[in-house]
C-alpha atoms as a PDB file:
ATOM      1  CA  MET A   1      45.504 123.534 106.223  1.00  0.00           C
ATOM      2  CA  SER A   2      43.698 126.841 105.953  1.00  0.00           C
ATOM      3  CA  PRO A   3      45.025 128.864 103.013  1.00  0.00           C
ATOM      4  CA  LYS A   4      44.079 132.055 104.803  1.00  0.00           C
ATOM      5  CA  ILE A   5      46.171 131.410 107.897  1.00  0.00           C
ATOM      6  CA  ALA A   6      49.085 129.608 106.290  1.00  0.00           C
ATOM      7  CA  SER A   7      49.524 132.069 103.423  1.00  0.00           C
ATOM      8  CA  SER A   8      49.138 135.247 105.482  1.00  0.00           C
ATOM      9  CA  GLU A   9      52.269 134.427 107.436  1.00  0.00           C
ATOM     10  CA  ARG A  10      54.244 132.796 104.656  1.00  0.00           C
ATOM     11  CA  ARG A  11      53.401 135.460 102.109  1.00  0.00           C
ATOM     12  CA  HIS A  12      54.481 138.246 104.440  1.00  0.00           C
ATOM     13  CA  LEU A  13      57.820 136.549 105.074  1.00  0.00           C
ATOM     14  CA  ALA A  14      58.150 135.540 101.408  1.00  0.00           C
ATOM     15  CA  ALA A  15      57.549 139.076 100.180  1.00  0.00           C
ATOM     16  CA  ARG A  16      60.234 140.445 102.478  1.00  0.00           C
ATOM     17  CA  LEU A  17      62.738 137.806 101.397  1.00  0.00           C
ATOM     18  CA  ARG A  18      61.993 138.512  97.743  1.00  0.00           C
ATOM     19  CA  ARG A  19      62.526 142.260  98.272  1.00  0.00           C
ATOM     20  CA  LEU A  20      65.814 141.584 100.049  1.00  0.00           C
ATOM     21  CA  ARG A  21      67.050 139.539  97.112  1.00  0.00           C
ATOM     22  CA  GLU A  22      66.008 142.175  94.611  1.00  0.00           C
ATOM     23  CA  GLN A  23      67.643 144.927  96.674  1.00  0.00           C
ATOM     24  CA  SER A  24      70.855 142.896  96.739  1.00  0.00           C
ATOM     25  CA  GLY A  25      70.895 142.890  92.922  1.00  0.00           C
ATOM     26  CA  ARG A  26      70.905 139.080  92.716  1.00  0.00           C
ATOM     27  CA  THR A  27      68.742 136.924  90.503  1.00  0.00           C
ATOM     28  CA  LEU A  28      66.786 133.970  91.803  1.00  0.00           C
ATOM     29  CA  THR A  29      69.148 131.614  89.961  1.00  0.00           C
ATOM     30  CA  GLU A  30      72.242 133.241  91.467  1.00  0.00           C
ATOM     31  CA  VAL A  31      70.980 132.926  95.034  1.00  0.00           C
ATOM     32  CA  ALA A  32      69.780 129.360  94.573  1.00  0.00           C
ATOM     33  CA  ALA A  33      73.106 128.327  93.055  1.00  0.00           C
ATOM     34  CA  ASN A  34      74.972 129.939  95.945  1.00  0.00           C
ATOM     35  CA  PHE A  35      73.404 127.395  98.322  1.00  0.00           C
ATOM     36  CA  GLY A  36      73.171 124.478  95.930  1.00  0.00           C
ATOM     37  CA  TRP A  37      69.388 124.773  95.761  1.00  0.00           C
ATOM     38  CA  SER A  38      67.155 124.406  92.763  1.00  0.00           C
ATOM     39  CA  ASP A  39      65.509 127.519  91.361  1.00  0.00           C
ATOM     40  CA  ALA A  40      62.186 125.914  92.171  1.00  0.00           C
ATOM     41  CA  LYS A  41      62.967 125.669  95.893  1.00  0.00           C
ATOM     42  CA  LEU A  42      63.811 129.345  96.232  1.00  0.00           C
ATOM     43  CA  SER A  43      60.850 130.292  94.073  1.00  0.00           C
ATOM     44  CA  ARG A  44      58.479 128.362  96.347  1.00  0.00           C
ATOM     45  CA  ILE A  45      59.973 130.099  99.396  1.00  0.00           C
ATOM     46  CA  GLU A  46      59.611 133.525  97.788  1.00  0.00           C
ATOM     47  CA  THR A  47      55.984 132.905  96.829  1.00  0.00           C
ATOM     48  CA  GLY A  48      55.011 131.444 100.196  1.00  0.00           C
ATOM     49  CA  THR A  49      54.168 128.071  98.690  1.00  0.00           C
ATOM     50  CA  ILE A  50      56.379 126.371 101.270  1.00  0.00           C
ATOM     51  CA  GLY A  51      57.837 127.446 104.588  1.00  0.00           C
ATOM     52  CA  VAL A  52      61.509 128.084 105.201  1.00  0.00           C
ATOM     53  CA  ARG A  53      63.649 126.197 107.704  1.00  0.00           C
ATOM     54  CA  ASP A  54      65.580 128.172 110.311  1.00  0.00           C
ATOM     55  CA  ALA A  55      68.916 127.100 108.839  1.00  0.00           C
ATOM     56  CA  ASP A  56      67.917 128.181 105.325  1.00  0.00           C
ATOM     57  CA  LEU A  57      66.497 131.444 106.611  1.00  0.00           C
ATOM     58  CA  ALA A  58      69.765 132.194 108.423  1.00  0.00           C
ATOM     59  CA  LYS A  59      71.707 131.589 105.191  1.00  0.00           C
ATOM     60  CA  LEU A  60      69.506 133.986 103.257  1.00  0.00           C
ATOM     61  CA  LEU A  61      69.677 136.712 105.895  1.00  0.00           C
ATOM     62  CA  THR A  62      73.470 136.411 106.031  1.00  0.00           C
ATOM     63  CA  LEU A  63      73.767 136.592 102.248  1.00  0.00           C
ATOM     64  CA  TYR A  64      71.547 139.671 102.147  1.00  0.00           C
ATOM     65  CA  ARG A  65      73.543 141.282 104.992  1.00  0.00           C
ATOM     66  CA  VAL A  66      70.498 141.776 107.236  1.00  0.00           C
ATOM     67  CA  PRO A  67      71.606 143.421 110.522  1.00  0.00           C
ATOM     68  CA  GLU A  68      71.231 141.385 113.690  1.00  0.00           C
ATOM     69  CA  SER A  69      68.792 143.968 115.051  1.00  0.00           C
ATOM     70  CA  GLN A  70      66.386 143.249 112.178  1.00  0.00           C
ATOM     71  CA  ARG A  71      66.629 139.464 112.133  1.00  0.00           C
ATOM     72  CA  ARG A  72      64.064 139.019 114.893  1.00  0.00           C
ATOM     73  CA  LEU A  73      61.299 140.096 112.563  1.00  0.00           C
ATOM     74  CA  PHE A  74      62.132 137.323 110.099  1.00  0.00           C
ATOM     75  CA  THR A  75      62.597 134.621 112.735  1.00  0.00           C
ATOM     76  CA  ASN A  76      59.326 135.692 114.388  1.00  0.00           C
ATOM     77  CA  LEU A  77      57.435 135.345 111.127  1.00  0.00           C
ATOM     78  CA  ALA A  78      58.954 131.953 110.315  1.00  0.00           C
ATOM     79  CA  ARG A  79      58.233 130.580 113.795  1.00  0.00           C
ATOM     80  CA  GLN A  80      54.718 131.940 113.869  1.00  0.00           C
ATOM     81  CA  ALA A  81      53.923 130.469 110.456  1.00  0.00           C
ATOM     82  CA  ARG A  82      55.058 126.999 111.552  1.00  0.00           C
ATOM     83  CA  HIS A  83      53.104 127.062 114.817  1.00  0.00           C
ATOM     84  CA  ARG A  84      49.960 128.409 113.229  1.00  0.00           C
ATOM     85  CA  ALA A  85      50.053 125.815 110.466  1.00  0.00           C
ATOM     86  CA  ARG A  86      50.321 123.021 113.037  1.00  0.00           C
ATOM     87  CA  TRP A  87      47.485 124.365 115.195  1.00  0.00           C
ATOM     88  CA  GLU A  88      45.272 124.914 112.180  1.00  0.00           C
ATOM     89  CA  LYS A  89      45.905 121.407 110.885  1.00  0.00           C
ATOM     90  CA  THR A  90      45.169 119.918 114.310  1.00  0.00           C
ATOM     91  CA  PHE A  91      41.914 121.796 114.805  1.00  0.00           C
ATOM     92  CA  ASP A  92      40.411 121.537 111.339  1.00  0.00           C
ATOM     93  CA  ASN A  93      40.663 125.120 110.112  1.00  0.00           C
ATOM     94  CA  GLY A  94      38.565 126.466 112.974  1.00  0.00           C
ATOM     95  CA  LEU A  95      40.897 129.221 114.241  1.00  0.00           C
ATOM     96  CA  SER A  96      40.590 132.896 113.459  1.00  0.00           C
ATOM     97  CA  ASP A  97      43.697 134.644 112.186  1.00  0.00           C
ATOM     98  CA  ALA A  98      44.467 136.538 115.416  1.00  0.00           C
ATOM     99  CA  TYR A  99      43.592 133.618 117.692  1.00  0.00           C
ATOM    100  CA  ALA A 100      45.864 131.289 115.730  1.00  0.00           C
ATOM    101  CA  SER A 101      48.699 133.763 116.238  1.00  0.00           C
ATOM    102  CA  PHE A 102      47.895 134.001 119.926  1.00  0.00           C
ATOM    103  CA  VAL A 103      47.935 130.259 120.642  1.00  0.00           C
ATOM    104  CA  ALA A 104      51.190 129.927 118.716  1.00  0.00           C
ATOM    105  CA  PHE A 105      52.831 132.626 120.807  1.00  0.00           C
ATOM    106  CA  GLU A 106      51.339 131.258 124.031  1.00  0.00           C
ATOM    107  CA  GLU A 107      52.873 127.871 123.343  1.00  0.00           C
ATOM    108  CA  ASP A 108      56.386 129.366 123.444  1.00  0.00           C
ATOM    109  CA  ALA A 109      55.834 131.953 126.186  1.00  0.00           C
ATOM    110  CA  ALA A 110      58.057 131.904 129.251  1.00  0.00           C
ATOM    111  CA  ALA A 111      55.652 134.132 131.189  1.00  0.00           C
ATOM    112  CA  ILE A 112      51.890 134.555 130.792  1.00  0.00           C
ATOM    113  CA  LEU A 113      50.138 137.482 132.465  1.00  0.00           C
ATOM    114  CA  THR A 114      46.370 137.481 132.076  1.00  0.00           C
ATOM    115  CA  PHE A 115      43.522 139.670 133.282  1.00  0.00           C
ATOM    116  CA  GLU A 116      39.947 138.467 132.949  1.00  0.00           C
ATOM    117  CA  PRO A 117      36.936 140.429 134.240  1.00  0.00           C
ATOM    118  CA  GLN A 118      34.146 138.135 133.016  1.00  0.00           C
ATOM    119  CA  VAL A 119      35.061 134.430 133.029  1.00  0.00           C
ATOM    120  CA  VAL A 120      37.821 132.120 134.212  1.00  0.00           C
ATOM    121  CA  PRO A 121      40.797 132.445 131.833  1.00  0.00           C
ATOM    122  CA  GLY A 122      40.736 129.789 129.132  1.00  0.00           C
ATOM    123  CA  ILE A 123      44.056 128.314 130.173  1.00  0.00           C
ATOM    124  CA  LEU A 124      42.473 127.310 133.519  1.00  0.00           C
ATOM    125  CA  GLN A 125      38.971 126.329 132.417  1.00  0.00           C
ATOM    126  CA  THR A 126      37.498 122.876 132.888  1.00  0.00           C
ATOM    127  CA  ALA A 127      36.016 121.216 129.812  1.00  0.00           C
ATOM    128  CA  GLU A 128      32.433 121.599 131.007  1.00  0.00           C
ATOM    129  CA  TYR A 129      32.933 125.256 131.948  1.00  0.00           C
ATOM    130  CA  ALA A 130      34.585 125.979 128.585  1.00  0.00           C
ATOM    131  CA  SER A 131      31.703 124.303 126.780  1.00  0.00           C
ATOM    132  CA  ALA A 132      29.165 126.390 128.704  1.00  0.00           C
ATOM    133  CA  VAL A 133      31.040 129.574 127.802  1.00  0.00           C
ATOM    134  CA  MET A 134      31.370 128.699 124.137  1.00  0.00           C
ATOM    135  CA  ARG A 135      27.754 127.700 123.693  1.00  0.00           C
ATOM    136  CA  ARG A 136      26.955 131.375 124.277  1.00  0.00           C
ATOM    137  CA  SER A 137      29.608 132.588 121.829  1.00  0.00           C
ATOM    138  CA  VAL A 138      28.502 134.726 118.885  1.00  0.00           C
ATOM    139  CA  VAL A 139      31.644 133.701 116.977  1.00  0.00           C
ATOM    140  CA  LEU A 140      31.161 129.918 117.081  1.00  0.00           C
ATOM    141  CA  ASP A 141      28.257 128.670 115.002  1.00  0.00           C
ATOM    142  CA  GLY A 142      26.890 125.211 115.781  1.00  0.00           C
ATOM    143  CA  PRO A 143      27.865 122.273 118.017  1.00  0.00           C
ATOM    144  CA  GLU A 144      30.807 121.219 115.841  1.00  0.00           C
ATOM    145  CA  ALA A 145      32.384 124.661 116.096  1.00  0.00           C
ATOM    146  CA  VAL A 146      31.835 124.642 119.866  1.00  0.00           C
ATOM    147  CA  SER A 147      33.463 121.213 120.122  1.00  0.00           C
ATOM    148  CA  ARG A 148      36.495 122.411 118.149  1.00  0.00           C
ATOM    149  CA  GLY A 149      36.694 125.518 120.305  1.00  0.00           C
ATOM    150  CA  VAL A 150      36.668 123.496 123.520  1.00  0.00           C
ATOM    151  CA  SER A 151      39.295 121.095 122.152  1.00  0.00           C
ATOM    152  CA  THR A 152      41.552 123.999 121.216  1.00  0.00           C
ATOM    153  CA  ARG A 153      41.135 125.606 124.614  1.00  0.00           C
ATOM    154  CA  LEU A 154      41.977 122.384 126.455  1.00  0.00           C
ATOM    155  CA  ALA A 155      44.953 121.749 124.173  1.00  0.00           C
ATOM    156  CA  ARG A 156      46.328 125.171 125.122  1.00  0.00           C
ATOM    157  CA  GLN A 157      46.524 123.982 128.722  1.00  0.00           C
ATOM    158  CA  ALA A 158      49.276 121.509 127.822  1.00  0.00           C
ATOM    159  CA  VAL A 159      51.681 124.424 128.047  1.00  0.00           C
ATOM    160  CA  LEU A 160      51.296 124.298 131.851  1.00  0.00           C
ATOM    161  CA  VAL A 161      52.826 120.822 132.062  1.00  0.00           C
ATOM    162  CA  ARG A 162      55.692 121.291 129.625  1.00  0.00           C
ATOM    163  CA  ASP A 163      59.275 121.330 130.919  1.00  0.00           C
ATOM    164  CA  PRO A 164      59.847 124.033 132.006  1.00  0.00           C
ATOM    165  CA  PRO A 165      56.322 125.419 132.331  1.00  0.00           C
ATOM    166  CA  PRO A 166      55.638 129.124 131.832  1.00  0.00           C
ATOM    167  CA  ARG A 167      55.220 131.436 134.809  1.00  0.00           C
ATOM    168  CA  LEU A 168      51.476 132.076 134.939  1.00  0.00           C
ATOM    169  CA  THR A 169      50.081 135.115 136.747  1.00  0.00           C
ATOM    170  CA  VAL A 170      46.311 135.563 136.685  1.00  0.00           C
ATOM    171  CA  VAL A 171      44.140 138.425 137.922  1.00  0.00           C
ATOM    172  CA  ILE A 172      40.387 137.833 137.782  1.00  0.00           C
ATOM    173  CA  ASP A 173      37.577 140.139 138.802  1.00  0.00           C
ATOM    174  CA  GLU A 174      35.508 139.027 141.784  1.00  0.00           C
ATOM    175  CA  ALA A 175      32.521 138.849 139.425  1.00  0.00           C
ATOM    176  CA  VAL A 176      34.101 135.782 137.794  1.00  0.00           C
ATOM    177  CA  LEU A 177      33.612 133.816 141.017  1.00  0.00           C
ATOM    178  CA  HIS A 178      29.920 134.630 141.240  1.00  0.00           C
ATOM    179  CA  ARG A 179      28.850 134.323 137.595  1.00  0.00           C
ATOM    180  CA  GLN A 180      27.040 130.976 137.377  1.00  0.00           C
ATOM    181  CA  VAL A 181      28.443 129.703 134.108  1.00  0.00           C
ATOM    182  CA  GLY A 182      26.864 126.312 133.376  1.00  0.00           C
ATOM    183  CA  GLY A 183      25.050 126.144 136.712  1.00  0.00           C
ATOM    184  CA  PRO A 184      26.083 125.660 140.367  1.00  0.00           C
ATOM    185  CA  ASP A 185      27.700 122.226 140.000  1.00  0.00           C
ATOM    186  CA  ILE A 186      29.850 123.136 137.009  1.00  0.00           C
ATOM    187  CA  MET A 187      30.785 126.402 138.676  1.00  0.00           C
ATOM    188  CA  ARG A 188      31.802 124.709 141.921  1.00  0.00           C
ATOM    189  CA  ARG A 189      34.054 122.256 140.084  1.00  0.00           C
ATOM    190  CA  GLN A 190      35.598 125.142 138.180  1.00  0.00           C
ATOM    191  CA  LEU A 191      36.349 127.017 141.395  1.00  0.00           C
ATOM    192  CA  LEU A 192      37.960 123.911 142.865  1.00  0.00           C
ATOM    193  CA  ARG A 193      40.078 123.706 139.727  1.00  0.00           C
ATOM    194  CA  LEU A 194      41.247 127.275 140.357  1.00  0.00           C
ATOM    195  CA  LEU A 195      42.201 126.344 143.907  1.00  0.00           C
ATOM    196  CA  GLU A 196      44.154 123.340 142.687  1.00  0.00           C
ATOM    197  CA  ALA A 197      45.972 125.456 140.110  1.00  0.00           C
ATOM    198  CA  SER A 198      46.849 128.113 142.676  1.00  0.00           C
ATOM    199  CA  GLU A 199      48.797 125.519 144.678  1.00  0.00           C
ATOM    200  CA  ARG A 200      51.058 124.593 141.793  1.00  0.00           C
ATOM    201  CA  PRO A 201      54.552 126.115 141.559  1.00  0.00           C
ATOM    202  CA  GLY A 202      54.813 128.961 139.096  1.00  0.00           C
ATOM    203  CA  ILE A 203      51.100 129.800 139.114  1.00  0.00           C
ATOM    204  CA  THR A 204      49.808 132.881 140.921  1.00  0.00           C
ATOM    205  CA  ILE A 205      46.093 133.692 141.053  1.00  0.00           C
ATOM    206  CA  GLN A 206      44.694 136.928 142.484  1.00  0.00           C
ATOM    207  CA  VAL A 207      41.139 138.217 142.737  1.00  0.00           C
ATOM    208  CA  LEU A 208      40.361 141.875 142.132  1.00  0.00           C
ATOM    209  CA  PRO A 209      37.630 142.569 144.727  1.00  0.00           C
ATOM    210  CA  PHE A 210      34.559 144.687 144.101  1.00  0.00           C
ATOM    211  CA  SER A 211      35.892 147.055 146.748  1.00  0.00           C
ATOM    212  CA  ALA A 212      38.750 148.023 144.395  1.00  0.00           C
ATOM    213  CA  GLY A 213      36.289 150.187 142.484  1.00  0.00           C
ATOM    214  CA  ALA A 214      37.374 151.596 139.119  1.00  0.00           C
ATOM    215  CA  HIS A 215      40.578 150.057 137.793  1.00  0.00           C
ATOM    216  CA  PRO A 216      42.814 149.964 134.664  1.00  0.00           C
ATOM    217  CA  GLY A 217      41.177 146.771 133.381  1.00  0.00           C
ATOM    218  CA  LEU A 218      37.733 148.230 132.772  1.00  0.00           C
ATOM    219  CA  ALA A 219      38.351 148.174 129.006  1.00  0.00           C
ATOM    220  CA  GLY A 220      38.329 144.364 128.985  1.00  0.00           C
ATOM    221  CA  SER A 221      40.417 141.222 129.194  1.00  0.00           C
ATOM    222  CA  PHE A 222      43.970 140.927 127.906  1.00  0.00           C
ATOM    223  CA  GLU A 223      46.949 138.595 128.038  1.00  0.00           C
ATOM    224  CA  ILE A 224      50.631 139.547 127.935  1.00  0.00           C
ATOM    225  CA  LEU A 225      53.061 136.942 126.616  1.00  0.00           C
ATOM    226  CA  ALA A 226      56.787 137.266 127.291  1.00  0.00           C
ATOM    227  CA  PHE A 227      59.676 135.132 126.026  1.00  0.00           C
ATOM    228  CA  ASP A 228      63.098 134.248 127.412  1.00  0.00           C
ATOM    229  CA  ASP A 229      65.062 133.348 124.289  1.00  0.00           C
ATOM    230  CA  GLY A 230      65.385 136.898 122.982  1.00  0.00           C
ATOM    231  CA  THR A 231      64.054 136.093 119.503  1.00  0.00           C
ATOM    232  CA  VAL A 232      60.493 137.283 120.119  1.00  0.00           C
ATOM    233  CA  THR A 233      59.454 140.552 121.729  1.00  0.00           C
ATOM    234  CA  PRO A 234      56.509 140.464 124.186  1.00  0.00           C
ATOM    235  CA  VAL A 235      53.020 140.656 122.703  1.00  0.00           C
ATOM    236  CA  VAL A 236      49.541 141.422 124.014  1.00  0.00           C
ATOM    237  CA  TYR A 237      46.387 139.619 122.956  1.00  0.00           C
ATOM    238  CA  CYS A 238      42.993 141.267 123.422  1.00  0.00           C
ATOM    239  CA  GLU A 239      39.933 139.156 122.645  1.00  0.00           C
ATOM    240  CA  ASP A 240      36.765 140.602 121.146  1.00  0.00           C
ATOM    241  CA  LEU A 241      33.614 139.483 119.343  1.00  0.00           C
ATOM    242  CA  THR A 242      35.401 139.164 116.004  1.00  0.00           C
ATOM    243  CA  GLY A 243      38.306 137.020 117.181  1.00  0.00           C
ATOM    244  CA  GLY A 244      40.709 139.382 118.910  1.00  0.00           C
ATOM    245  CA  VAL A 245      43.803 141.368 118.057  1.00  0.00           C
ATOM    246  CA  ILE A 246      47.550 141.044 118.665  1.00  0.00           C
ATOM    247  CA  ARG A 247      49.300 144.201 119.852  1.00  0.00           C
ATOM    248  CA  ASP A 248      53.084 144.436 119.790  1.00  0.00           C
ATOM    249  CA  SER A 249      54.035 148.105 119.570  1.00  0.00           C
ATOM    250  CA  PRO A 250      56.323 149.277 122.411  1.00  0.00           C
ATOM    251  CA  THR A 251      53.785 151.930 123.440  1.00  0.00           C
ATOM    252  CA  ASP A 252      50.885 149.481 123.653  1.00  0.00           C
ATOM    253  CA  LEU A 253      53.006 146.913 125.469  1.00  0.00           C
ATOM    254  CA  ARG A 254      54.127 149.434 128.079  1.00  0.00           C
ATOM    255  CA  ARG A 255      50.556 150.537 128.749  1.00  0.00           C
ATOM    256  CA  TYR A 256      49.314 146.997 129.222  1.00  0.00           C
ATOM    257  CA  GLN A 257      52.259 146.109 131.453  1.00  0.00           C
ATOM    258  CA  GLU A 258      51.566 149.164 133.607  1.00  0.00           C
ATOM    259  CA  ALA A 259      47.864 148.284 133.736  1.00  0.00           C
ATOM    260  CA  PHE A 260      48.613 144.726 134.808  1.00  0.00           C
ATOM    261  CA  ALA A 261      51.000 145.896 137.527  1.00  0.00           C
ATOM    262  CA  ALA A 262      48.292 148.232 138.859  1.00  0.00           C
ATOM    263  CA  LEU A 263      45.715 145.439 138.796  1.00  0.00           C
ATOM    264  CA  ARG A 264      47.996 143.169 140.796  1.00  0.00           C
ATOM    265  CA  THR A 265      48.535 145.908 143.363  1.00  0.00           C
ATOM    266  CA  ALA A 266      44.781 146.448 143.743  1.00  0.00           C
ATOM    267  CA  ALA A 267      44.005 142.722 143.881  1.00  0.00           C
ATOM    268  CA  LEU A 268      43.953 140.465 146.922  1.00  0.00           C
ATOM    269  CA  GLY A 269      47.106 138.509 147.648  1.00  0.00           C
ATOM    270  CA  PRO A 270      47.293 134.808 146.731  1.00  0.00           C
ATOM    271  CA  ASP A 271      46.355 133.594 150.220  1.00  0.00           C
ATOM    272  CA  GLU A 272      43.388 135.957 150.535  1.00  0.00           C
ATOM    273  CA  THR A 273      42.352 134.987 147.029  1.00  0.00           C
ATOM    274  CA  ALA A 274      42.403 131.275 147.862  1.00  0.00           C
ATOM    275  CA  ALA A 275      40.296 131.945 150.955  1.00  0.00           C
ATOM    276  CA  MET A 276      37.721 133.867 148.911  1.00  0.00           C
ATOM    277  CA  ILE A 277      37.537 131.185 146.206  1.00  0.00           C
ATOM    278  CA  ARG A 278      37.163 128.489 148.840  1.00  0.00           C
ATOM    279  CA  SER A 279      34.375 130.417 150.541  1.00  0.00           C
ATOM    280  CA  VAL A 280      32.422 130.937 147.313  1.00  0.00           C
ATOM    281  CA  ALA A 281      32.881 127.307 146.303  1.00  0.00           C
ATOM    282  CA  SER A 282      31.603 126.032 149.637  1.00  0.00           C
ATOM    283  CA  GLY A 283      28.685 128.460 149.631  1.00  0.00           C
END
């Protein structure tokens, strides 16, 4: 497990839990004894050496009288730490900090809204298309890193067959259809994959045509992740050359939601989109 990724989440949560205990005026021994724990267990939680189970976290937050409105922060951190640790273990420490957070959130998302102006979104890429994209990446160094990157990308797609699957809404620029990633044969198979995906329930794909002119997505790709259980607020992931960034402030979220709504309005409808994809694939 990567110390960088595992500890960044655990240490943040651990530091907050330690401050809560200190603010409550309780010693480590007093809190541990209250739950029948050893001092060592609570110490490991407060130093981020181990994670904390949801049930134990709930006990601590109740003891420290944390308001319900603030509990989401703690549950978010605990959940994110667990998901990121599992992804990092599975993919051999090859995930950047922000990307690890993103795939963890994506796994739990009830709705995924993505805009991509350059390539087919990763969640819909074929293996050969993904490999062609990643071989040109300035972040991945060497064939082993590319292989891990492709494996991670394909593993993300499992979210589309979970029960229930997320609602996926995709807007891609028309340029995506014409950019020959990997060559004509790979590109044609990728376009057919898009057509197949567009026919599945819960997946909506729209193309933003060149005729739309300037639009709110000119700054680059982004993905909005929303959740139904009420424990996690929506987040936005923006990818860049250094691994991307997670945005979760209400102001940023509102701007990206408004941008996505405008992009959908300017884009072709699903039927027109399918016709365009089919035409490019056959041509």
